[in-house]
Amino acid sequence: KDLHIDLVARVVKKNNEIVKLTATEYSLLALFVKNEGRVLTHYYLLREVWGPGYITQSQYLRVFIAQLRKKIEDDPNRPYFIVTESGVGYRFVSTA
């Protein structure tokens, strides 16, 4: 899998091409990368990315996860990097 994420430069590349992310998509991806391998709950992701006023707005999370998967996954319907943990949240899996 050819995905490179440089958190310092705020650059994401897939197959050596820059992936254009919105600020929210980047914040979500950066949070996943910093917590690689850990299950991040819906509550935690909503609070950290959107703020405490959005912790019940899980539809925001679903929409942004879908958008992010379309941009970084080879097959967004069978994600490799952002894996759903049913009823709990999501886990980021690196290629390492």
Protein backbone atom coordinates (compact mmCIF):
# COMPACT_ATOMS: atom_id res chain seq x y z
CA LYS A 1 0.00 0.00 0.00
CA ASP A 2 1.53 3.26 -1.08
CA LEU A 3 0.30 5.88 1.39
CA HIS A 4 2.69 8.41 2.91
CA ILE A 5 1.60 10.83 5.62
CA ASP A 6 3.91 13.61 6.75
CA LEU A 7 2.33 15.21 9.81
CA VAL A 8 5.00 17.90 10.07
CA ALA A 9 4.62 19.10 6.48
CA ARG A 10 0.86 18.32 6.49
CA VAL A 11 1.23 16.38 3.23
CA VAL A 12 -0.53 13.15 2.30
CA LYS A 13 0.55 11.20 -0.79
CA LYS A 14 -0.98 8.13 -2.35
CA ASN A 15 0.93 6.40 -5.14
CA ASN A 16 3.35 9.35 -5.03
CA GLU A 17 0.62 11.88 -5.80
CA ILE A 18 -0.55 14.53 -3.34
CA VAL A 19 -3.98 13.85 -1.89
CA LYS A 20 -6.01 17.01 -1.35
CA LEU A 21 -7.79 16.87 2.00
CA THR A 22 -10.09 19.36 3.67
CA ALA A 23 -8.99 20.69 7.05
CA THR A 24 -11.45 18.36 8.78
CA GLU A 25 -10.35 15.31 6.78
CA TYR A 26 -6.73 16.10 7.61
CA SER A 27 -7.52 16.53 11.32
CA LEU A 28 -9.31 13.20 11.35
CA LEU A 29 -6.48 11.41 9.51
CA ALA A 30 -3.82 12.99 11.75
CA LEU A 31 -5.70 11.80 14.83
CA PHE A 32 -5.83 8.29 13.39
CA VAL A 33 -2.11 8.29 12.56
CA LYS A 34 -1.15 9.53 16.03
CA ASN A 35 -3.20 6.68 17.52
CA GLU A 36 -2.29 4.01 14.98
CA GLY A 37 -3.52 0.55 15.96
CA ARG A 38 -5.88 1.82 18.66
CA VAL A 39 -9.65 1.76 18.39
CA LEU A 40 -10.91 5.34 18.52
CA THR A 41 -14.52 5.61 19.64
CA HIS A 42 -17.12 7.66 17.83
CA TYR A 43 -17.40 9.87 20.92
CA TYR A 44 -13.63 10.48 21.06
CA LEU A 45 -13.33 11.29 17.35
CA LEU A 46 -16.28 13.68 17.39
CA ARG A 47 -15.03 15.45 20.51
CA GLU A 48 -11.45 15.79 19.24
CA VAL A 49 -12.22 16.85 15.65
CA TRP A 50 -15.49 18.79 15.93
CA GLY A 51 -15.61 19.68 19.63
CA PRO A 52 -17.73 18.72 22.64
CA GLY A 53 -20.90 20.18 21.15
CA TYR A 54 -20.88 17.52 18.42
CA ILE A 55 -20.46 14.29 20.40
CA THR A 56 -23.92 13.07 19.40
CA GLN A 57 -23.54 13.93 15.70
CA SER A 58 -22.32 10.56 14.45
CA GLN A 59 -23.58 11.28 10.91
CA TYR A 60 -20.76 13.86 10.56
CA LEU A 61 -18.26 11.15 11.36
CA ARG A 62 -19.74 8.65 8.88
CA VAL A 63 -19.72 11.22 6.07
CA PHE A 64 -16.12 12.29 6.68
CA ILE A 65 -14.86 8.71 7.10
CA ALA A 66 -16.47 7.85 3.75
CA GLN A 67 -14.86 10.89 2.08
CA LEU A 68 -11.47 10.08 3.58
CA ARG A 69 -11.70 6.45 2.49
CA LYS A 70 -12.49 7.53 -1.09
CA LYS A 71 -9.28 9.57 -1.11
CA ILE A 72 -6.82 7.19 0.57
CA GLU A 73 -8.12 3.65 0.08
CA ASP A 74 -7.63 1.57 -3.07
CA ASP A 75 -11.14 0.19 -2.56
CA PRO A 76 -13.23 2.36 -0.20
CA ASN A 77 -15.78 -0.46 0.13
CA ARG A 78 -13.09 -2.78 1.48
CA PRO A 79 -10.91 -0.40 3.52
CA TYR A 80 -7.36 -1.32 4.44
CA PHE A 81 -6.26 1.74 6.41
CA ILE A 82 -9.41 2.90 8.23
CA VAL A 83 -11.13 -0.17 9.62
CA THR A 84 -14.58 -0.06 11.20
CA GLU A 85 -14.91 -1.53 14.67
CA SER A 86 -18.67 -2.19 14.68
CA GLY A 87 -20.61 -0.32 17.31
CA VAL A 88 -17.45 1.22 18.78
CA GLY A 89 -15.48 3.33 16.31
CA TYR A 90 -12.57 3.03 13.90
CA ARG A 91 -8.97 1.85 13.88
CA PHE A 92 -6.14 3.07 11.64
CA VAL A 93 -3.86 0.31 10.36
CA SER A 94 -0.53 1.24 8.81
CA THR A 95 1.45 -0.74 6.31
CA ALA A 96 4.32 -1.29 8.74
